[in-house]
PDB file of N, CA and C in Angstrom:
ATOM      1  N   MET A   1       2.294  -7.465  12.979  1.00  0.00           N
ATOM      2  CA  MET A   1       2.484  -8.358  11.633  1.00  0.00           C
ATOM      3  C   MET A   1       3.487  -7.683  10.832  1.00  0.00           C
ATOM      4  N   SER A   2       4.291  -8.468  10.407  1.00  0.00           N
ATOM      5  CA  SER A   2       5.572  -7.993   9.600  1.00  0.00           C
ATOM      6  C   SER A   2       6.036  -8.756   8.668  1.00  0.00           C
ATOM      7  N   GLY A   3       6.697  -8.453   7.895  1.00  0.00           N
ATOM      8  CA  GLY A   3       7.566  -9.312   6.784  1.00  0.00           C
ATOM      9  C   GLY A   3       7.273  -8.770   5.215  1.00  0.00           C
ATOM     10  N   ASP A   4       7.550  -9.634   4.273  1.00  0.00           N
ATOM     11  CA  ASP A   4       8.038  -9.192   3.156  1.00  0.00           C
ATOM     12  C   ASP A   4       6.151  -8.600   2.609  1.00  0.00           C
ATOM     13  N   TYR A   5       5.432  -9.287   2.993  1.00  0.00           N
ATOM     14  CA  TYR A   5       4.208  -8.761   2.362  1.00  0.00           C
ATOM     15  C   TYR A   5       3.675  -7.342   2.736  1.00  0.00           C
ATOM     16  N   VAL A   6       4.091  -6.895   3.992  1.00  0.00           N
ATOM     17  CA  VAL A   6       4.153  -5.812   4.611  1.00  0.00           C
ATOM     18  C   VAL A   6       4.755  -4.818   3.915  1.00  0.00           C
ATOM     19  N   TYR A   7       6.169  -5.107   3.671  1.00  0.00           N
ATOM     20  CA  TYR A   7       6.880  -4.240   3.128  1.00  0.00           C
ATOM     21  C   TYR A   7       6.144  -4.097   1.523  1.00  0.00           C
ATOM     22  N   ALA A   8       5.887  -5.007   0.776  1.00  0.00           N
ATOM     23  CA  ALA A   8       5.519  -4.918  -0.679  1.00  0.00           C
ATOM     24  C   ALA A   8       4.136  -3.675  -0.243  1.00  0.00           C
ATOM     25  N   LEU A   9       3.358  -4.058   0.357  1.00  0.00           N
ATOM     26  CA  LEU A   9       2.141  -3.175   0.770  1.00  0.00           C
ATOM     27  C   LEU A   9       2.693  -1.511   0.818  1.00  0.00           C
ATOM     28  N   GLN A  10       3.333  -1.597   1.611  1.00  0.00           N
ATOM     29  CA  GLN A  10       3.969  -0.121   1.745  1.00  0.00           C
ATOM     30  C   GLN A  10       4.437   0.395   0.792  1.00  0.00           C
ATOM     31  N   VAL A  11       5.697  -0.105   0.166  1.00  0.00           N
ATOM     32  CA  VAL A  11       5.864   0.085  -0.901  1.00  0.00           C
ATOM     33  C   VAL A  11       4.762   0.718  -2.224  1.00  0.00           C
ATOM     34  N   ASN A  12       3.685  -0.130  -2.417  1.00  0.00           N
ATOM     35  CA  ASN A  12       2.327  -0.098  -3.075  1.00  0.00           C
ATOM     36  C   ASN A  12       1.892   1.281  -2.591  1.00  0.00           C
ATOM     37  N   ILE A  13       1.897   1.863  -1.116  1.00  0.00           N
ATOM     38  CA  ILE A  13       1.358   3.047  -1.147  1.00  0.00           C
ATOM     39  C   ILE A  13       2.465   4.252  -1.485  1.00  0.00           C
ATOM     40  N   LEU A  14       3.559   4.011  -1.127  1.00  0.00           N
ATOM     41  CA  LEU A  14       4.539   4.868  -1.379  1.00  0.00           C
ATOM     42  C   LEU A  14       4.519   5.217  -2.933  1.00  0.00           C
ATOM     43  N   VAL A  15       4.378   4.189  -3.982  1.00  0.00           N
ATOM     44  CA  VAL A  15       4.429   4.699  -5.167  1.00  0.00           C
ATOM     45  C   VAL A  15       3.354   4.761  -5.774  1.00  0.00           C
ATOM     46  N   CYS A  16       2.073   4.160  -5.402  1.00  0.00           N
ATOM     47  CA  CYS A  16       0.912   4.124  -6.067  1.00  0.00           C
ATOM     48  C   CYS A  16       0.269   5.643  -5.658  1.00  0.00           C
ATOM     49  N   TYR A  17       0.393   5.916  -4.378  1.00  0.00           N
ATOM     50  CA  TYR A  17      -0.267   6.771  -3.549  1.00  0.00           C
ATOM     51  C   TYR A  17       0.470   8.088  -3.254  1.00  0.00           C
ATOM     52  N   SER A  18       1.405   8.094  -3.896  1.00  0.00           N
ATOM     53  CA  SER A  18       2.501   9.156  -3.440  1.00  0.00           C
ATOM     54  C   SER A  18       1.593  10.476  -3.638  1.00  0.00           C
ATOM     55  N   GLY A  19       2.330  11.392  -3.162  1.00  0.00           N
ATOM     56  CA  GLY A  19       1.686  13.154  -2.597  1.00  0.00           C
ATOM     57  C   GLY A  19       0.323  12.905  -2.129  1.00  0.00           C
ATOM     58  N   THR A  20      -0.037  11.999  -1.641  1.00  0.00           N
ATOM     59  CA  THR A  20      -1.039  11.828  -0.603  1.00  0.00           C
ATOM     60  C   THR A  20      -0.861  11.625   1.050  1.00  0.00           C
ATOM     61  N   PRO A  21      -1.703  11.883   1.906  1.00  0.00           N
ATOM     62  CA  PRO A  21      -1.419  11.634   3.074  1.00  0.00           C
ATOM     63  C   PRO A  21      -1.199  10.058   3.643  1.00  0.00           C
ATOM     64  N   ALA A  22      -1.831   9.335   2.755  1.00  0.00           N
ATOM     65  CA  ALA A  22      -1.420   7.908   2.764  1.00  0.00           C
ATOM     66  C   ALA A  22       0.213   7.743   2.666  1.00  0.00           C
ATOM     67  N   ALA A  23       0.808   8.224   1.831  1.00  0.00           N
ATOM     68  CA  ALA A  23       2.281   8.017   1.413  1.00  0.00           C
ATOM     69  C   ALA A  23       2.955   8.620   2.417  1.00  0.00           C
ATOM     70  N   THR A  24       2.424   9.878   3.300  1.00  0.00           N
ATOM     71  CA  THR A  24       2.834  10.595   4.186  1.00  0.00           C
ATOM     72  C   THR A  24       3.062   9.832   5.714  1.00  0.00           C
ATOM     73  N   TYR A  25       1.970   9.132   5.868  1.00  0.00           N
ATOM     74  CA  TYR A  25       1.766   8.059   7.043  1.00  0.00           C
ATOM     75  C   TYR A  25       2.940   7.029   6.973  1.00  0.00           C
ATOM     76  N   VAL A  26       3.449   6.452   5.940  1.00  0.00           N
ATOM     77  CA  VAL A  26       4.108   5.330   5.872  1.00  0.00           C
ATOM     78  C   VAL A  26       5.192   6.186   6.269  1.00  0.00           C
ATOM     79  N   LYS A  27       5.740   7.275   5.284  1.00  0.00           N
ATOM     80  CA  LYS A  27       7.070   7.845   5.300  1.00  0.00           C
ATOM     81  C   LYS A  27       7.596   8.247   6.719  1.00  0.00           C
ATOM     82  N   ASN A  28       6.459   8.820   7.563  1.00  0.00           N
ATOM     83  CA  ASN A  28       6.659   9.507   8.708  1.00  0.00           C
ATOM     84  C   ASN A  28       6.723   8.343   9.782  1.00  0.00           C
ATOM     85  N   SER A  29       6.358   7.141   9.650  1.00  0.00           N
ATOM     86  CA  SER A  29       6.508   5.983  10.480  1.00  0.00           C
ATOM     87  C   SER A  29       7.531   5.052  10.224  1.00  0.00           C
ATOM     88  N   GLY A  30       8.538   5.246   9.587  1.00  0.00           N
ATOM     89  CA  GLY A  30       9.676   4.511   9.181  1.00  0.00           C
ATOM     90  C   GLY A  30       9.700   4.097   7.768  1.00  0.00           C
ATOM     91  N   GLY A  31       8.835   4.776   6.908  1.00  0.00           N
ATOM     92  CA  GLY A  31       9.108   4.251   5.687  1.00  0.00           C
ATOM     93  C   GLY A  31       8.544   2.732   5.237  1.00  0.00           C
ATOM     94  N   ALA A  32       9.196   2.008   4.364  1.00  0.00           N
ATOM     95  CA  ALA A  32       8.854   0.631   3.895  1.00  0.00           C
ATOM     96  C   ALA A  32       9.894   0.064   4.838  1.00  0.00           C
ATOM     97  N   ASP A  33       9.049  -0.178   6.009  1.00  0.00           N
ATOM     98  CA  ASP A  33      10.449  -1.481   7.183  1.00  0.00           C
ATOM     99  C   ASP A  33       9.614  -2.673   6.992  1.00  0.00           C
ATOM    100  N   GLY A  34       8.409  -3.063   6.568  1.00  0.00           N
ATOM    101  CA  GLY A  34       7.812  -4.460   6.717  1.00  0.00           C
ATOM    102  C   GLY A  34       6.672  -4.468   7.757  1.00  0.00           C
ATOM    103  N   VAL A  35       6.961  -3.235   8.464  1.00  0.00           N
ATOM    104  CA  VAL A  35       6.315  -3.559  10.104  1.00  0.00           C
ATOM    105  C   VAL A  35       4.668  -2.832   9.927  1.00  0.00           C
ATOM    106  N   TYR A  36       3.790  -3.723  10.158  1.00  0.00           N
ATOM    107  CA  TYR A  36       2.200  -3.274  10.052  1.00  0.00           C
ATOM    108  C   TYR A  36       1.895  -2.403  11.265  1.00  0.00           C
ATOM    109  N   GLY A  37       2.571  -1.347  11.289  1.00  0.00           N
ATOM    110  CA  GLY A  37       2.172  -0.223  12.288  1.00  0.00           C
ATOM    111  C   GLY A  37       0.978   0.816  12.319  1.00  0.00           C
ATOM    112  N   ALA A  38       1.101   1.763  13.247  1.00  0.00           N
ATOM    113  CA  ALA A  38       0.239   2.730  13.028  1.00  0.00           C
ATOM    114  C   ALA A  38       0.372   3.507  12.060  1.00  0.00           C
ATOM    115  N   GLY A  39       1.476   3.919  11.200  1.00  0.00           N
ATOM    116  CA  GLY A  39       1.498   4.631  10.367  1.00  0.00           C
ATOM    117  C   GLY A  39       0.790   4.184   8.880  1.00  0.00           C
ATOM    118  N   THR A  40       1.194   2.395   8.689  1.00  0.00           N
ATOM    119  CA  THR A  40       0.701   1.578   7.729  1.00  0.00           C
ATOM    120  C   THR A  40      -1.049   1.524   7.765  1.00  0.00           C
ATOM    121  N   ARG A  41      -1.318   1.380   9.231  1.00  0.00           N
ATOM    122  CA  ARG A  41      -2.894   1.128   9.497  1.00  0.00           C
ATOM    123  C   ARG A  41      -3.357   2.530   9.143  1.00  0.00           C
ATOM    124  N   ASP A  42      -3.039   3.706   9.287  1.00  0.00           N
ATOM    125  CA  ASP A  42      -3.538   5.117   8.987  1.00  0.00           C
ATOM    126  C   ASP A  42      -3.513   5.239   7.674  1.00  0.00           C
ATOM    127  N   ALA A  43      -2.480   4.986   6.886  1.00  0.00           N
ATOM    128  CA  ALA A  43      -2.436   4.886   5.670  1.00  0.00           C
ATOM    129  C   ALA A  43      -3.721   4.155   5.025  1.00  0.00           C
ATOM    130  N   PHE A  44      -3.687   2.931   5.220  1.00  0.00           N
ATOM    131  CA  PHE A  44      -4.889   2.249   4.668  1.00  0.00           C
ATOM    132  C   PHE A  44      -6.114   2.869   4.710  1.00  0.00           C
ATOM    133  N   LYS A  45      -6.226   3.496   6.249  1.00  0.00           N
ATOM    134  CA  LYS A  45      -7.386   3.926   6.455  1.00  0.00           C
ATOM    135  C   LYS A  45      -7.981   4.876   5.524  1.00  0.00           C
ATOM    136  N   TRP A  46      -6.453   5.722   5.445  1.00  0.00           N
ATOM    137  CA  TRP A  46      -7.105   7.282   4.604  1.00  0.00           C
ATOM    138  C   TRP A  46      -7.500   7.034   3.064  1.00  0.00           C
ATOM    139  N   ILE A  47      -6.784   5.538   2.724  1.00  0.00           N
ATOM    140  CA  ILE A  47      -6.869   5.095   1.325  1.00  0.00           C
ATOM    141  C   ILE A  47      -8.696   4.296   1.044  1.00  0.00           C
ATOM    142  N   GLN A  48      -8.778   3.721   2.203  1.00  0.00           N
ATOM    143  CA  GLN A  48     -10.247   3.104   2.396  1.00  0.00           C
ATOM    144  C   GLN A  48     -11.218   4.420   2.386  1.00  0.00           C
ATOM    145  N   LYS A  49     -11.215   5.379   3.009  1.00  0.00           N
ATOM    146  CA  LYS A  49     -12.088   6.551   3.462  1.00  0.00           C
ATOM    147  C   LYS A  49     -12.067   7.125   2.065  1.00  0.00           C
ATOM    148  N   ASN A  50     -10.914   7.583   1.514  1.00  0.00           N
ATOM    149  CA  ASN A  50     -10.576   8.879   0.433  1.00  0.00           C
ATOM    150  C   ASN A  50     -10.489   8.322  -0.978  1.00  0.00           C
ATOM    151  N   VAL A  51     -10.287   7.273  -0.831  1.00  0.00           N
ATOM    152  CA  VAL A  51      -9.961   6.706  -2.552  1.00  0.00           C
ATOM    153  C   VAL A  51     -11.069   5.784  -2.928  1.00  0.00           C
ATOM    154  N   TRP A  52     -11.429   4.802  -1.791  1.00  0.00           N
ATOM    155  CA  TRP A  52     -12.395   3.793  -2.067  1.00  0.00           C
ATOM    156  C   TRP A  52     -14.023   4.314  -1.609  1.00  0.00           C
ATOM    157  N   GLY A  53     -13.899   5.391  -0.816  1.00  0.00           N
ATOM    158  CA  GLY A  53     -15.467   6.054  -0.137  1.00  0.00           C
ATOM    159  C   GLY A  53     -15.924   5.190   0.611  1.00  0.00           C
ATOM    160  N   LEU A  54     -15.393   4.309   1.339  1.00  0.00           N
ATOM    161  CA  LEU A  54     -15.784   3.747   2.618  1.00  0.00           C
ATOM    162  C   LEU A  54     -16.078   4.317   3.345  1.00  0.00           C
ATOM    163  N   THR A  55     -16.848   3.902   4.358  1.00  0.00           N
ATOM    164  CA  THR A  55     -17.445   4.817   5.956  1.00  0.00           C
ATOM    165  C   THR A  55     -17.879   3.768   6.659  1.00  0.00           C
ATOM    166  N   GLY A  56     -17.524   4.208   8.146  1.00  0.00           N
ATOM    167  CA  GLY A  56     -18.162   3.644   9.155  1.00  0.00           C
ATOM    168  C   GLY A  56     -17.397   2.455   9.520  1.00  0.00           C
ATOM    169  N   SER A  57     -17.706   1.164   9.800  1.00  0.00           N
ATOM    170  CA  SER A  57     -16.793   0.267  10.478  1.00  0.00           C
ATOM    171  C   SER A  57     -16.056  -0.593   9.105  1.00  0.00           C
ATOM    172  N   ASN A  58     -16.486  -0.122   7.724  1.00  0.00           N
ATOM    173  CA  ASN A  58     -15.547  -0.811   6.652  1.00  0.00           C
ATOM    174  C   ASN A  58     -14.290   0.071   6.798  1.00  0.00           C
ATOM    175  N   VAL A  59     -14.059   0.967   7.243  1.00  0.00           N
ATOM    176  CA  VAL A  59     -12.788   2.034   7.311  1.00  0.00           C
ATOM    177  C   VAL A  59     -11.799   1.363   8.383  1.00  0.00           C
ATOM    178  N   ASP A  60     -11.485   0.321   8.394  1.00  0.00           N
ATOM    179  CA  ASP A  60     -10.935  -0.246   9.655  1.00  0.00           C
ATOM    180  C   ASP A  60      -9.076  -0.651   9.414  1.00  0.00           C
ATOM    181  N   GLY A  61      -8.784  -0.374   8.317  1.00  0.00           N
ATOM    182  CA  GLY A  61      -7.209  -0.316   8.395  1.00  0.00           C
ATOM    183  C   GLY A  61      -6.628  -1.561   8.027  1.00  0.00           C
ATOM    184  N   VAL A  62      -7.429  -2.923   7.502  1.00  0.00           N
ATOM    185  CA  VAL A  62      -7.586  -3.798   7.424  1.00  0.00           C
ATOM    186  C   VAL A  62      -7.063  -4.690   6.090  1.00  0.00           C
ATOM    187  N   TYR A  63      -5.988  -5.075   5.397  1.00  0.00           N
ATOM    188  CA  TYR A  63      -6.071  -5.549   3.937  1.00  0.00           C
ATOM    189  C   TYR A  63      -6.874  -6.803   3.969  1.00  0.00           C
ATOM    190  N   GLY A  64      -7.508  -6.780   3.004  1.00  0.00           N
ATOM    191  CA  GLY A  64      -8.552  -8.423   2.867  1.00  0.00           C
ATOM    192  C   GLY A  64      -8.645  -8.563   1.242  1.00  0.00           C
ATOM    193  N   PRO A  65      -9.720  -9.046   1.025  1.00  0.00           N
ATOM    194  CA  PRO A  65      -9.834  -9.555  -0.041  1.00  0.00           C
ATOM    195  C   PRO A  65     -10.529  -8.212  -0.769  1.00  0.00           C
ATOM    196  N   TYR A  66     -11.291  -7.432  -0.251  1.00  0.00           N
ATOM    197  CA  TYR A  66     -11.963  -6.053  -1.081  1.00  0.00           C
ATOM    198  C   TYR A  66     -10.557  -5.061  -1.281  1.00  0.00           C
ATOM    199  N   ALA A  67      -9.719  -4.833  -0.121  1.00  0.00           N
ATOM    200  CA  ALA A  67      -8.694  -4.271  -0.651  1.00  0.00           C
ATOM    201  C   ALA A  67      -7.825  -4.858  -1.698  1.00  0.00           C
ATOM    202  N   ARG A  68      -7.269  -5.932  -1.852  1.00  0.00           N
ATOM    203  CA  ARG A  68      -6.875  -6.645  -3.192  1.00  0.00           C
ATOM    204  C   ARG A  68      -7.567  -6.291  -4.148  1.00  0.00           C
ATOM    205  N   ASP A  69      -8.747  -6.353  -4.051  1.00  0.00           N
ATOM    206  CA  ASP A  69      -9.521  -6.123  -5.695  1.00  0.00           C
ATOM    207  C   ASP A  69      -9.402  -4.431  -5.921  1.00  0.00           C
ATOM    208  N   HIS A  70      -9.120  -3.602  -5.115  1.00  0.00           N
ATOM    209  CA  HIS A  70      -9.252  -2.349  -5.386  1.00  0.00           C
ATOM    210  C   HIS A  70      -8.014  -1.492  -5.442  1.00  0.00           C
ATOM    211  N   MET A  71      -6.969  -1.999  -4.375  1.00  0.00           N
ATOM    212  CA  MET A  71      -5.650  -1.193  -4.439  1.00  0.00           C
ATOM    213  C   MET A  71      -4.975  -1.339  -5.865  1.00  0.00           C
ATOM    214  N   LEU A  72      -4.205   0.053  -5.884  1.00  0.00           N
ATOM    215  CA  LEU A  72      -3.198   0.159  -6.653  1.00  0.00           C
ATOM    216  C   LEU A  72      -2.009  -0.794  -6.450  1.00  0.00           C
ATOM    217  N   PHE A  73      -1.475  -1.300  -7.580  1.00  0.00           N
ATOM    218  CA  PHE A  73      -0.115  -1.698  -7.255  1.00  0.00           C
ATOM    219  C   PHE A  73       0.825  -1.487  -8.039  1.00  0.00           C
ATOM    220  N   ALA A  74       2.066  -1.518  -7.568  1.00  0.00           N
ATOM    221  CA  ALA A  74       2.896  -1.152  -8.499  1.00  0.00           C
ATOM    222  C   ALA A  74       3.847  -2.080  -9.648  1.00  0.00           C
ATOM    223  N   LEU A  75       3.781  -1.723 -10.698  1.00  0.00           N
ATOM    224  CA  LEU A  75       4.290  -2.591 -11.679  1.00  0.00           C
ATOM    225  C   LEU A  75       6.124  -2.468 -11.271  1.00  0.00           C
ATOM    226  N   TRP A  76       6.674  -3.679 -11.500  1.00  0.00           N
ATOM    227  CA  TRP A  76       8.243  -3.942 -11.097  1.00  0.00           C
ATOM    228  C   TRP A  76       8.909  -4.496 -12.528  1.00  0.00           C
ATOM    229  N   TYR A  77       9.818  -4.065 -12.634  1.00  0.00           N
ATOM    230  CA  TYR A  77      10.872  -4.739 -13.729  1.00  0.00           C
ATOM    231  C   TYR A  77      11.877  -5.250 -12.699  1.00  0.00           C
ATOM    232  N   HIS A  78      12.652  -6.286 -13.484  1.00  0.00           N
ATOM    233  CA  HIS A  78      13.509  -7.351 -12.776  1.00  0.00           C
ATOM    234  C   HIS A  78      14.770  -7.470 -13.669  1.00  0.00           C
ATOM    235  N   THR A  79      15.777  -7.642 -12.618  1.00  0.00           N
ATOM    236  CA  THR A  79      17.268  -7.780 -13.252  1.00  0.00           C
ATOM    237  C   THR A  79      17.355  -8.896 -12.415  1.00  0.00           C
ATOM    238  N   ASN A  80      18.212  -9.829 -13.258  1.00  0.00           N
ATOM    239  CA  ASN A  80      18.751 -11.349 -12.663  1.00  0.00           C
ATOM    240  C   ASN A  80      17.672 -11.871 -11.901  1.00  0.00           C
ATOM    241  N   LEU A  81      16.357 -11.789 -12.767  1.00  0.00           N
ATOM    242  CA  LEU A  81      15.342 -12.323 -12.117  1.00  0.00           C
ATOM    243  C   LEU A  81      14.418 -12.207 -10.756  1.00  0.00           C
ATOM    244  N   SER A  82      15.011 -11.256 -10.346  1.00  0.00           N
ATOM    245  CA  SER A  82      14.909 -10.625  -8.973  1.00  0.00           C
ATOM    246  C   SER A  82      14.298  -9.146  -8.889  1.00  0.00           C
ATOM    247  N   PRO A  83      13.067  -8.851  -8.645  1.00  0.00           N
ATOM    248  CA  PRO A  83      12.557  -7.549  -8.371  1.00  0.00           C
ATOM    249  C   PRO A  83      13.516  -6.547  -8.123  1.00  0.00           C
ATOM    250  N   THR A  84      13.832  -5.707  -8.709  1.00  0.00           N
ATOM    251  CA  THR A  84      14.878  -4.489  -8.685  1.00  0.00           C
ATOM    252  C   THR A  84      14.035  -3.049  -7.947  1.00  0.00           C
ATOM    253  N   THR A  85      13.277  -2.746  -8.798  1.00  0.00           N
ATOM    254  CA  THR A  85      12.478  -1.422  -8.537  1.00  0.00           C
ATOM    255  C   THR A  85      11.330  -1.398  -9.335  1.00  0.00           C
ATOM    256  N   THR A  86      10.331  -0.245  -9.130  1.00  0.00           N
ATOM    257  CA  THR A  86       9.045  -0.315  -9.640  1.00  0.00           C
ATOM    258  C   THR A  86       9.537   0.458 -11.005  1.00  0.00           C
ATOM    259  N   THR A  87       8.399   0.783 -11.565  1.00  0.00           N
ATOM    260  CA  THR A  87       8.415   1.413 -13.062  1.00  0.00           C
ATOM    261  C   THR A  87       7.948   2.657 -12.698  1.00  0.00           C
ATOM    262  N   GLY A  88       7.108   2.790 -11.503  1.00  0.00           N
ATOM    263  CA  GLY A  88       6.458   3.941 -11.304  1.00  0.00           C
ATOM    264  C   GLY A  88       5.057   3.984 -11.669  1.00  0.00           C
ATOM    265  N   LYS A  89       4.511   2.808 -12.583  1.00  0.00           N
ATOM    266  CA  LYS A  89       3.197   2.574 -13.047  1.00  0.00           C
ATOM    267  C   LYS A  89       2.452   1.810 -12.049  1.00  0.00           C
ATOM    268  N   CYS A  90       1.192   1.763 -12.169  1.00  0.00           N
ATOM    269  CA  CYS A  90       0.313   1.120 -11.330  1.00  0.00           C
ATOM    270  C   CYS A  90      -0.780   0.588 -11.807  1.00  0.00           C
ATOM    271  N   SER A  91      -1.332  -0.642 -11.261  1.00  0.00           N
ATOM    272  CA  SER A  91      -2.633  -0.898 -11.566  1.00  0.00           C
ATOM    273  C   SER A  91      -3.209  -1.870 -10.888  1.00  0.00           C
ATOM    274  N   ARG A  92      -4.530  -2.011 -11.252  1.00  0.00           N
ATOM    275  CA  ARG A  92      -5.103  -3.156 -10.153  1.00  0.00           C
ATOM    276  C   ARG A  92      -5.122  -4.591 -10.411  1.00  0.00           C
ATOM    277  N   TYR A  93      -5.253  -5.214  -9.465  1.00  0.00           N
ATOM    278  CA  TYR A  93      -5.153  -6.712  -9.494  1.00  0.00           C
ATOM    279  C   TYR A  93      -6.130  -7.200 -10.006  1.00  0.00           C
ATOM    280  N   THR A  94      -5.604  -7.860 -11.187  1.00  0.00           N
ATOM    281  CA  THR A  94      -6.955  -8.704 -12.077  1.00  0.00           C
ATOM    282  C   THR A  94      -6.694 -10.422 -12.193  1.00  0.00           C
ATOM    283  N   GLY A  95      -6.025 -10.716 -11.099  1.00  0.00           N
ATOM    284  CA  GLY A  95      -5.998 -12.330 -11.004  1.00  0.00           C
ATOM    285  C   GLY A  95      -6.923 -12.941 -10.609  1.00  0.00           C
TER     286      GLY A  95
END
């Protein structure tokens, strides 16, 4: 899988989970490149296990509804109606 959504997920990991092995997995696999490869999957598994406390088959590296409701997302500020960079602050999805 690849594309803008994967890129956004990777940026969220780098910003909201900086200083953790999850961010290191993303950095070491090419950074925020929009490709859901082994580094992103491993980062996500680390978050599932070590942040959310999931176990067993629930640690699958897959982004789904549970992840959407528990993941921290970076807040962005805009210039000329397009996202430019994060504020460095993170929050959970509340939609």
